[in-house]
Structure formats: C-alpha cells, structure tokens
Amino acid sequence: HPLSLYGATKKANEVMAHSYAHLYGIPATGLRF
C-alpha cells in the first residue's frame, strides 16, 4: 500500500527483479534505503 507513485515504482522494481530471478536465474538483491 504505497502512498506515492514513487513508492509504487520502487515496489514494481522489486517484483520485476523477482520475476527475472525466477525465470532466468539472475541473482538479484533489493535494498530498501
């Protein structure tokens, strides 16, 4: 439940990275600053 579009785009990055880690085996680490 992000409260800004900026937060929403960062959440999108997390799930996009997971999909590529799952599909293509790309090791990915997200850091919430």
Full PDB file with SEQRES, HELIX, SHEET, SSBOND, CRYST1, ORIGX, SCALE, CONECT and MASTER records, all heavy atoms in Angstrom:
SEQRES   1 A   33  HIS PRO LEU SER LEU TYR GLY ALA THR LYS LYS ALA ASN          
SEQRES   2 A   33  GLU VAL MET ALA HIS SER TYR ALA HIS LEU TYR GLY ILE          
SEQRES   3 A   33  PRO ALA THR GLY LEU ARG PHE                                  
HELIX    1 AA1 LEU A    5  TYR A   24  1                                  20    
CRYST1    1.000    1.000    1.000  90.00  90.00  90.00 P 1           1          
ORIGX1      1.000000  0.000000  0.000000        0.00000                         
ORIGX2      0.000000  1.000000  0.000000        0.00000                         
ORIGX3      0.000000  0.000000  1.000000        0.00000                         
SCALE1      1.000000  0.000000  0.000000        0.00000                         
SCALE2      0.000000  1.000000  0.000000        0.00000                         
SCALE3      0.000000  0.000000  1.000000        0.00000                         
ATOM      1  N   HIS A   1       0.825  -1.204   0.000  1.00  0.00           N  
ATOM      2  CA  HIS A   1       0.000   0.000   0.000  1.00  0.00           C  
ATOM      3  C   HIS A   1       0.866   1.264   0.000  1.00  0.00           C  
ATOM      4  O   HIS A   1       0.807   2.081   0.927  1.00  0.00           O  
ATOM      5  CB  HIS A   1      -0.939   0.004   1.214  1.00  0.00           C  
ATOM      6  CG  HIS A   1      -1.885  -1.155   1.236  1.00  0.00           C  
ATOM      7  ND1 HIS A   1      -1.563  -2.376   1.784  1.00  0.00           N  
ATOM      8  CD2 HIS A   1      -3.133  -1.290   0.733  1.00  0.00           C  
ATOM      9  CE1 HIS A   1      -2.574  -3.212   1.643  1.00  0.00           C  
ATOM     10  NE2 HIS A   1      -3.540  -2.585   0.998  1.00  0.00           N  
ATOM     11  N   PRO A   2       1.698   1.465  -1.036  1.00  0.00           N  
ATOM     12  CA  PRO A   2       2.493   2.695  -1.121  1.00  0.00           C  
ATOM     13  C   PRO A   2       1.586   3.918  -1.217  1.00  0.00           C  
ATOM     14  O   PRO A   2       0.480   3.843  -1.766  1.00  0.00           O  
ATOM     15  CB  PRO A   2       3.325   2.508  -2.392  1.00  0.00           C  
ATOM     16  CG  PRO A   2       2.589   1.482  -3.184  1.00  0.00           C  
ATOM     17  CD  PRO A   2       1.908   0.583  -2.202  1.00  0.00           C  
ATOM     18  N   LEU A   3       2.058   5.043  -0.683  1.00  0.00           N  
ATOM     19  CA  LEU A   3       1.257   6.263  -0.647  1.00  0.00           C  
ATOM     20  C   LEU A   3       1.668   7.283  -1.701  1.00  0.00           C  
ATOM     21  O   LEU A   3       1.129   8.379  -1.754  1.00  0.00           O  
ATOM     22  CB  LEU A   3       1.346   6.900   0.748  1.00  0.00           C  
ATOM     23  CG  LEU A   3       0.809   6.041   1.904  1.00  0.00           C  
ATOM     24  CD1 LEU A   3       0.993   6.761   3.235  1.00  0.00           C  
ATOM     25  CD2 LEU A   3      -0.653   5.690   1.678  1.00  0.00           C  
ATOM     26  N   SER A   4       2.630   6.935  -2.523  1.00  0.00           N  
ATOM     27  CA  SER A   4       3.074   7.824  -3.606  1.00  0.00           C  
ATOM     28  C   SER A   4       3.413   6.987  -4.824  1.00  0.00           C  
ATOM     29  O   SER A   4       3.704   5.784  -4.706  1.00  0.00           O  
ATOM     30  CB  SER A   4       4.315   8.628  -3.179  1.00  0.00           C  
ATOM     31  OG  SER A   4       5.433   7.762  -3.020  1.00  0.00           O  
ATOM     32  N   LEU A   5       3.385   7.600  -5.993  1.00  0.00           N  
ATOM     33  CA  LEU A   5       3.769   6.876  -7.205  1.00  0.00           C  
ATOM     34  C   LEU A   5       5.241   6.485  -7.140  1.00  0.00           C  
ATOM     35  O   LEU A   5       5.629   5.422  -7.625  1.00  0.00           O  
ATOM     36  CB  LEU A   5       3.497   7.716  -8.447  1.00  0.00           C  
ATOM     37  CG  LEU A   5       3.825   7.001  -9.761  1.00  0.00           C  
ATOM     38  CD1 LEU A   5       2.889   5.820  -9.980  1.00  0.00           C  
ATOM     39  CD2 LEU A   5       3.758   7.942 -10.935  1.00  0.00           C  
ATOM     40  N   TYR A   6       6.069   7.338  -6.545  1.00  0.00           N  
ATOM     41  CA  TYR A   6       7.489   6.980  -6.381  1.00  0.00           C  
ATOM     42  C   TYR A   6       7.611   5.651  -5.642  1.00  0.00           C  
ATOM     43  O   TYR A   6       8.317   4.737  -6.077  1.00  0.00           O  
ATOM     44  CB  TYR A   6       8.226   8.081  -5.622  1.00  0.00           C  
ATOM     45  CG  TYR A   6       9.618   7.676  -5.208  1.00  0.00           C  
ATOM     46  CD1 TYR A   6      10.628   7.550  -6.149  1.00  0.00           C  
ATOM     47  CD2 TYR A   6       9.922   7.402  -3.868  1.00  0.00           C  
ATOM     48  CE1 TYR A   6      11.910   7.149  -5.774  1.00  0.00           C  
ATOM     49  CE2 TYR A   6      11.186   7.006  -3.489  1.00  0.00           C  
ATOM     50  CZ  TYR A   6      12.173   6.882  -4.443  1.00  0.00           C  
ATOM     51  OH  TYR A   6      13.438   6.484  -4.070  1.00  0.00           O  
ATOM     52  N   GLY A   7       6.900   5.524  -4.509  1.00  0.00           N  
ATOM     53  CA  GLY A   7       6.928   4.273  -3.772  1.00  0.00           C  
ATOM     54  C   GLY A   7       6.411   3.111  -4.594  1.00  0.00           C  
ATOM     55  O   GLY A   7       6.927   1.992  -4.522  1.00  0.00           O  
ATOM     56  N   ALA A   8       5.381   3.366  -5.391  1.00  0.00           N  
ATOM     57  CA  ALA A   8       4.819   2.316  -6.236  1.00  0.00           C  
ATOM     58  C   ALA A   8       5.821   1.842  -7.284  1.00  0.00           C  
ATOM     59  O   ALA A   8       5.905   0.643  -7.582  1.00  0.00           O  
ATOM     60  CB  ALA A   8       3.544   2.811  -6.908  1.00  0.00           C  
ATOM     61  N   THR A   9       6.589   2.761  -7.860  1.00  0.00           N  
ATOM     62  CA  THR A   9       7.584   2.346  -8.856  1.00  0.00           C  
ATOM     63  C   THR A   9       8.685   1.508  -8.217  1.00  0.00           C  
ATOM     64  O   THR A   9       9.211   0.581  -8.840  1.00  0.00           O  
ATOM     65  CB  THR A   9       8.216   3.548  -9.576  1.00  0.00           C  
ATOM     66  OG1 THR A   9       8.955   4.364  -8.652  1.00  0.00           O  
ATOM     67  CG2 THR A   9       7.167   4.396 -10.273  1.00  0.00           C  
ATOM     68  N   LYS A  10       9.028   1.809  -6.970  1.00  0.00           N  
ATOM     69  CA  LYS A  10      10.058   1.031  -6.287  1.00  0.00           C  
ATOM     70  C   LYS A  10       9.542  -0.372  -5.940  1.00  0.00           C  
ATOM     71  O   LYS A  10      10.279  -1.360  -6.020  1.00  0.00           O  
ATOM     72  CB  LYS A  10      10.529   1.765  -5.036  1.00  0.00           C  
ATOM     73  CG  LYS A  10      11.388   2.981  -5.337  1.00  0.00           C  
ATOM     74  CD  LYS A  10      12.623   2.573  -6.110  1.00  0.00           C  
ATOM     75  CE  LYS A  10      13.572   3.708  -6.369  1.00  0.00           C  
ATOM     76  NZ  LYS A  10      14.796   3.264  -7.073  1.00  0.00           N  
ATOM     77  N   LYS A  11       8.282  -0.445  -5.546  1.00  0.00           N  
ATOM     78  CA  LYS A  11       7.682  -1.761  -5.326  1.00  0.00           C  
ATOM     79  C   LYS A  11       7.649  -2.557  -6.633  1.00  0.00           C  
ATOM     80  O   LYS A  11       7.907  -3.772  -6.653  1.00  0.00           O  
ATOM     81  CB  LYS A  11       6.263  -1.593  -4.766  1.00  0.00           C  
ATOM     82  CG  LYS A  11       5.507  -2.893  -4.546  1.00  0.00           C  
ATOM     83  CD  LYS A  11       6.160  -3.764  -3.479  1.00  0.00           C  
ATOM     84  CE  LYS A  11       5.315  -5.003  -3.219  1.00  0.00           C  
ATOM     85  NZ  LYS A  11       5.946  -5.896  -2.224  1.00  0.00           N  
ATOM     86  N   ALA A  12       7.351  -1.876  -7.737  1.00  0.00           N  
ATOM     87  CA  ALA A  12       7.365  -2.536  -9.044  1.00  0.00           C  
ATOM     88  C   ALA A  12       8.748  -3.094  -9.357  1.00  0.00           C  
ATOM     89  O   ALA A  12       8.874  -4.209  -9.899  1.00  0.00           O  
ATOM     90  CB  ALA A  12       6.926  -1.556 -10.131  1.00  0.00           C  
ATOM     91  N   ASN A  13       9.798  -2.362  -9.024  1.00  0.00           N  
ATOM     92  CA  ASN A  13      11.159  -2.846  -9.253  1.00  0.00           C  
ATOM     93  C   ASN A  13      11.407  -4.160  -8.522  1.00  0.00           C  
ATOM     94  O   ASN A  13      12.024  -5.089  -9.069  1.00  0.00           O  
ATOM     95  CB  ASN A  13      12.183  -1.819  -8.776  1.00  0.00           C  
ATOM     96  CG  ASN A  13      12.281  -0.596  -9.662  1.00  0.00           C  
ATOM     97  OD1 ASN A  13      12.987   0.351  -9.318  1.00  0.00           O  
ATOM     98  ND2 ASN A  13      11.576  -0.575 -10.775  1.00  0.00           N  
ATOM     99  N   GLU A  14      10.916  -4.238  -7.301  1.00  0.00           N  
ATOM    100  CA  GLU A  14      11.137  -5.454  -6.509  1.00  0.00           C  
ATOM    101  C   GLU A  14      10.495  -6.673  -7.161  1.00  0.00           C  
ATOM    102  O   GLU A  14      11.129  -7.734  -7.283  1.00  0.00           O  
ATOM    103  CB  GLU A  14      10.587  -5.251  -5.095  1.00  0.00           C  
ATOM    104  CG  GLU A  14      11.328  -4.193  -4.297  1.00  0.00           C  
ATOM    105  CD  GLU A  14      10.735  -3.966  -2.918  1.00  0.00           C  
ATOM    106  OE1 GLU A  14       9.731  -4.617  -2.587  1.00  0.00           O  
ATOM    107  OE2 GLU A  14      11.289  -3.131  -2.170  1.00  0.00           O  
ATOM    108  N   VAL A  15       9.251  -6.541  -7.590  1.00  0.00           N  
ATOM    109  CA  VAL A  15       8.572  -7.707  -8.172  1.00  0.00           C  
ATOM    110  C   VAL A  15       9.086  -8.012  -9.579  1.00  0.00           C  
ATOM    111  O   VAL A  15       9.115  -9.185 -10.000  1.00  0.00           O  
ATOM    112  CB  VAL A  15       7.035  -7.521  -8.150  1.00  0.00           C  
ATOM    113  CG1 VAL A  15       6.535  -7.478  -6.721  1.00  0.00           C  
ATOM    114  CG2 VAL A  15       6.594  -6.286  -8.892  1.00  0.00           C  
ATOM    115  N   MET A  16       9.512  -6.985 -10.310  1.00  0.00           N  
ATOM    116  CA  MET A  16      10.117  -7.231 -11.614  1.00  0.00           C  
ATOM    117  C   MET A  16      11.428  -8.010 -11.466  1.00  0.00           C  
ATOM    118  O   MET A  16      11.690  -8.963 -12.207  1.00  0.00           O  
ATOM    119  CB  MET A  16      10.373  -5.903 -12.335  1.00  0.00           C  
ATOM    120  CG  MET A  16       9.104  -5.183 -12.784  1.00  0.00           C  
ATOM    121  SD  MET A  16       9.421  -3.454 -13.260  1.00  0.00           S  
ATOM    122  CE  MET A  16      10.333  -3.685 -14.787  1.00  0.00           C  
ATOM    123  N   ALA A  17      12.243  -7.598 -10.502  1.00  0.00           N  
ATOM    124  CA  ALA A  17      13.518  -8.288 -10.281  1.00  0.00           C  
ATOM    125  C   ALA A  17      13.290  -9.738  -9.880  1.00  0.00           C  
ATOM    126  O   ALA A  17      14.016 -10.639 -10.313  1.00  0.00           O  
ATOM    127  CB  ALA A  17      14.323  -7.556  -9.212  1.00  0.00           C  
ATOM    128  N   HIS A  18      12.259  -9.951  -9.053  1.00  0.00           N  
ATOM    129  CA  HIS A  18      11.978 -11.335  -8.660  1.00  0.00           C  
ATOM    130  C   HIS A  18      11.584 -12.187  -9.866  1.00  0.00           C  
ATOM    131  O   HIS A  18      11.993 -13.345  -9.985  1.00  0.00           O  
ATOM    132  CB  HIS A  18      10.877 -11.403  -7.599  1.00  0.00           C  
ATOM    133  CG  HIS A  18      10.584 -12.816  -7.194  1.00  0.00           C  
ATOM    134  ND1 HIS A  18       9.606 -13.576  -7.803  1.00  0.00           N  
ATOM    135  CD2 HIS A  18      11.179 -13.629  -6.281  1.00  0.00           C  
ATOM    136  CE1 HIS A  18       9.609 -14.789  -7.269  1.00  0.00           C  
ATOM    137  NE2 HIS A  18      10.549 -14.844  -6.348  1.00  0.00           N  
ATOM    138  N   SER A  19      10.790 -11.631 -10.757  1.00  0.00           N  
ATOM    139  CA  SER A  19      10.369 -12.412 -11.923  1.00  0.00           C  
ATOM    140  C   SER A  19      11.573 -12.814 -12.771  1.00  0.00           C  
ATOM    141  O   SER A  19      11.626 -13.939 -13.281  1.00  0.00           O  
ATOM    142  CB  SER A  19       9.349 -11.623 -12.756  1.00  0.00           C  
ATOM    143  OG  SER A  19       9.961 -10.543 -13.436  1.00  0.00           O  
ATOM    144  N   TYR A  20      12.560 -11.918 -12.915  1.00  0.00           N  
ATOM    145  CA  TYR A  20      13.750 -12.245 -13.704  1.00  0.00           C  
ATOM    146  C   TYR A  20      14.650 -13.228 -12.964  1.00  0.00           C  
ATOM    147  O   TYR A  20      15.302 -14.081 -13.584  1.00  0.00           O  
ATOM    148  CB  TYR A  20      14.503 -10.976 -14.085  1.00  0.00           C  
ATOM    149  CG  TYR A  20      14.024 -10.387 -15.390  1.00  0.00           C  
ATOM    150  CD1 TYR A  20      12.740  -9.860 -15.510  1.00  0.00           C  
ATOM    151  CD2 TYR A  20      14.844 -10.368 -16.514  1.00  0.00           C  
ATOM    152  CE1 TYR A  20      12.283  -9.340 -16.702  1.00  0.00           C  
ATOM    153  CE2 TYR A  20      14.402  -9.844 -17.723  1.00  0.00           C  
ATOM    154  CZ  TYR A  20      13.122  -9.333 -17.811  1.00  0.00           C  
ATOM    155  OH  TYR A  20      12.669  -8.819 -19.006  1.00  0.00           O  
ATOM    156  N   ALA A  21      14.702 -13.108 -11.632  1.00  0.00           N  
ATOM    157  CA  ALA A  21      15.463 -14.085 -10.850  1.00  0.00           C  
ATOM    158  C   ALA A  21      14.849 -15.469 -11.012  1.00  0.00           C  
ATOM    159  O   ALA A  21      15.568 -16.479 -11.151  1.00  0.00           O  
ATOM    160  CB  ALA A  21      15.491 -13.677  -9.384  1.00  0.00           C  
ATOM    161  N   HIS A  22      13.531 -15.539 -11.029  1.00  0.00           N  
ATOM    162  CA  HIS A  22      12.830 -16.824 -11.167  1.00  0.00           C  
ATOM    163  C   HIS A  22      12.952 -17.390 -12.586  1.00  0.00           C  
ATOM    164  O   HIS A  22      13.247 -18.576 -12.776  1.00  0.00           O  
ATOM    165  CB  HIS A  22      11.355 -16.648 -10.798  1.00  0.00           C  
ATOM    166  CG  HIS A  22      10.494 -17.823 -11.132  1.00  0.00           C  
ATOM    167  ND1 HIS A  22      10.524 -18.998 -10.404  1.00  0.00           N  
ATOM    168  CD2 HIS A  22       9.605 -18.027 -12.145  1.00  0.00           C  
ATOM    169  CE1 HIS A  22       9.684 -19.856 -10.933  1.00  0.00           C  
ATOM    170  NE2 HIS A  22       9.109 -19.312 -11.992  1.00  0.00           N  
ATOM    171  N   LEU A  23      12.725 -16.542 -13.574  1.00  0.00           N  
ATOM    172  CA  LEU A  23      12.689 -17.021 -14.953  1.00  0.00           C  
ATOM    173  C   LEU A  23      14.071 -17.322 -15.516  1.00  0.00           C  
ATOM    174  O   LEU A  23      14.255 -18.296 -16.258  1.00  0.00           O  
ATOM    175  CB  LEU A  23      12.004 -15.982 -15.847  1.00  0.00           C  
ATOM    176  CG  LEU A  23      10.505 -15.781 -15.637  1.00  0.00           C  
ATOM    177  CD1 LEU A  23      10.035 -14.536 -16.381  1.00  0.00           C  
ATOM    178  CD2 LEU A  23       9.730 -17.014 -16.085  1.00  0.00           C  
ATOM    179  N   TYR A  24      15.049 -16.480 -15.166  1.00  0.00           N  
ATOM    180  CA  TYR A  24      16.356 -16.564 -15.829  1.00  0.00           C  
ATOM    181  C   TYR A  24      17.515 -16.835 -14.874  1.00  0.00           C  
ATOM    182  O   TYR A  24      18.667 -16.866 -15.302  1.00  0.00           O  
ATOM    183  CB  TYR A  24      16.617 -15.268 -16.609  1.00  0.00           C  
ATOM    184  CG  TYR A  24      15.476 -14.899 -17.529  1.00  0.00           C  
ATOM    185  CD1 TYR A  24      14.720 -13.752 -17.304  1.00  0.00           C  
ATOM    186  CD2 TYR A  24      15.131 -15.721 -18.610  1.00  0.00           C  
ATOM    187  CE1 TYR A  24      13.659 -13.424 -18.137  1.00  0.00           C  
ATOM    188  CE2 TYR A  24      14.068 -15.399 -19.444  1.00  0.00           C  
ATOM    189  CZ  TYR A  24      13.336 -14.254 -19.198  1.00  0.00           C  
ATOM    190  OH  TYR A  24      12.283 -13.931 -20.021  1.00  0.00           O  
ATOM    191  N   GLY A  25      17.212 -16.986 -13.576  1.00  0.00           N  
ATOM    192  CA  GLY A  25      18.265 -17.299 -12.616  1.00  0.00           C  
ATOM    193  C   GLY A  25      19.224 -16.164 -12.344  1.00  0.00           C  
ATOM    194  O   GLY A  25      20.369 -16.404 -11.917  1.00  0.00           O  
ATOM    195  N   ILE A  26      18.798 -14.922 -12.580  1.00  0.00           N  
ATOM    196  CA  ILE A  26      19.656 -13.765 -12.323  1.00  0.00           C  
ATOM    197  C   ILE A  26      19.643 -13.463 -10.826  1.00  0.00           C  
ATOM    198  O   ILE A  26      18.601 -13.084 -10.278  1.00  0.00           O  
ATOM    199  CB  ILE A  26      19.176 -12.530 -13.101  1.00  0.00           C  
ATOM    200  CG1 ILE A  26      19.215 -12.785 -14.602  1.00  0.00           C  
ATOM    201  CG2 ILE A  26      20.018 -11.302 -12.739  1.00  0.00           C  
ATOM    202  CD1 ILE A  26      18.502 -11.721 -15.419  1.00  0.00           C  
ATOM    203  N   PRO A  27      20.758 -13.623 -10.117  1.00  0.00           N  
ATOM    204  CA  PRO A  27      20.782 -13.294  -8.691  1.00  0.00           C  
ATOM    205  C   PRO A  27      20.509 -11.800  -8.496  1.00  0.00           C  
ATOM    206  O   PRO A  27      21.174 -10.949  -9.100  1.00  0.00           O  
ATOM    207  CB  PRO A  27      22.209 -13.649  -8.256  1.00  0.00           C  
ATOM    208  CG  PRO A  27      22.718 -14.594  -9.308  1.00  0.00           C  
ATOM    209  CD  PRO A  27      22.063 -14.144 -10.583  1.00  0.00           C  
ATOM    210  N   ALA A  28      19.514 -11.472  -7.686  1.00  0.00           N  
ATOM    211  CA  ALA A  28      19.096 -10.078  -7.521  1.00  0.00           C  
ATOM    212  C   ALA A  28      18.847  -9.783  -6.047  1.00  0.00           C  
ATOM    213  O   ALA A  28      18.184 -10.562  -5.350  1.00  0.00           O  
ATOM    214  CB  ALA A  28      17.837  -9.798  -8.335  1.00  0.00           C  
ATOM    215  N   THR A  29      19.369  -8.639  -5.607  1.00  0.00           N  
ATOM    216  CA  THR A  29      19.166  -8.188  -4.233  1.00  0.00           C  
ATOM    217  C   THR A  29      18.648  -6.764  -4.250  1.00  0.00           C  
ATOM    218  O   THR A  29      19.281  -5.876  -4.839  1.00  0.00           O  
ATOM    219  CB  THR A  29      20.466  -8.237  -3.418  1.00  0.00           C  
ATOM    220  OG1 THR A  29      20.995  -9.565  -3.426  1.00  0.00           O  
ATOM    221  CG2 THR A  29      20.214  -7.804  -1.975  1.00  0.00           C  
ATOM    222  N   GLY A  30      17.497  -6.547  -3.613  1.00  0.00           N  
ATOM    223  CA  GLY A  30      16.932  -5.203  -3.500  1.00  0.00           C  
ATOM    224  C   GLY A  30      17.212  -4.615  -2.130  1.00  0.00           C  
ATOM    225  O   GLY A  30      17.113  -5.309  -1.108  1.00  0.00           O  
ATOM    226  N   LEU A  31      17.565  -3.342  -2.098  1.00  0.00           N  
ATOM    227  CA  LEU A  31      17.877  -2.642  -0.853  1.00  0.00           C  
ATOM    228  C   LEU A  31      16.890  -1.501  -0.651  1.00  0.00           C  
ATOM    229  O   LEU A  31      16.825  -0.572  -1.467  1.00  0.00           O  
ATOM    230  CB  LEU A  31      19.300  -2.087  -0.896  1.00  0.00           C  
ATOM    231  CG  LEU A  31      20.419  -3.127  -0.993  1.00  0.00           C  
ATOM    232  CD1 LEU A  31      21.769  -2.435  -1.150  1.00  0.00           C  
ATOM    233  CD2 LEU A  31      20.427  -4.036   0.223  1.00  0.00           C  
ATOM    234  N   ARG A  32      16.124  -1.581   0.425  1.00  0.00           N  
ATOM    235  CA  ARG A  32      15.190  -0.510   0.752  1.00  0.00           C  
ATOM    236  C   ARG A  32      15.913   0.548   1.582  1.00  0.00           C  
ATOM    237  O   ARG A  32      16.104   0.386   2.791  1.00  0.00           O  
ATOM    238  CB  ARG A  32      13.990  -1.083   1.506  1.00  0.00           C  
ATOM    239  CG  ARG A  32      13.114  -1.990   0.642  1.00  0.00           C  
ATOM    240  CD  ARG A  32      12.011  -2.652   1.453  1.00  0.00           C  
ATOM    241  NE  ARG A  32      11.104  -3.420   0.584  1.00  0.00           N  
ATOM    242  CZ  ARG A  32      10.143  -4.217   1.015  1.00  0.00           C  
ATOM    243  NH1 ARG A  32       9.944  -4.366   2.332  1.00  0.00           N  
ATOM    244  NH2 ARG A  32       9.373  -4.875   0.168  1.00  0.00           N  
ATOM    245  N   PHE A  33      16.315   1.633   0.918  1.00  0.00           N  
ATOM    246  CA  PHE A  33      17.060   2.698   1.591  1.00  0.00           C  
ATOM    247  C   PHE A  33      16.140   3.520   2.489  1.00  0.00           C  
ATOM    248  O   PHE A  33      15.002   3.823   2.130  1.00  0.00           O  
ATOM    249  CB  PHE A  33      17.706   3.630   0.566  1.00  0.00           C  
ATOM    250  CG  PHE A  33      18.825   3.003  -0.219  1.00  0.00           C  
ATOM    251  CD1 PHE A  33      18.758   2.914  -1.596  1.00  0.00           C  
ATOM    252  CD2 PHE A  33      19.943   2.511   0.416  1.00  0.00           C  
ATOM    253  CE1 PHE A  33      19.783   2.341  -2.330  1.00  0.00           C  
ATOM    254  CE2 PHE A  33      20.987   1.934  -0.290  1.00  0.00           C  
ATOM    255  CZ  PHE A  33      20.903   1.850  -1.680  1.00  0.00           C  
TER     256      PHE A  33                                                      
MASTER        0    0    0    1    0    0    0    6  255    1    0    3          
END                                                                             
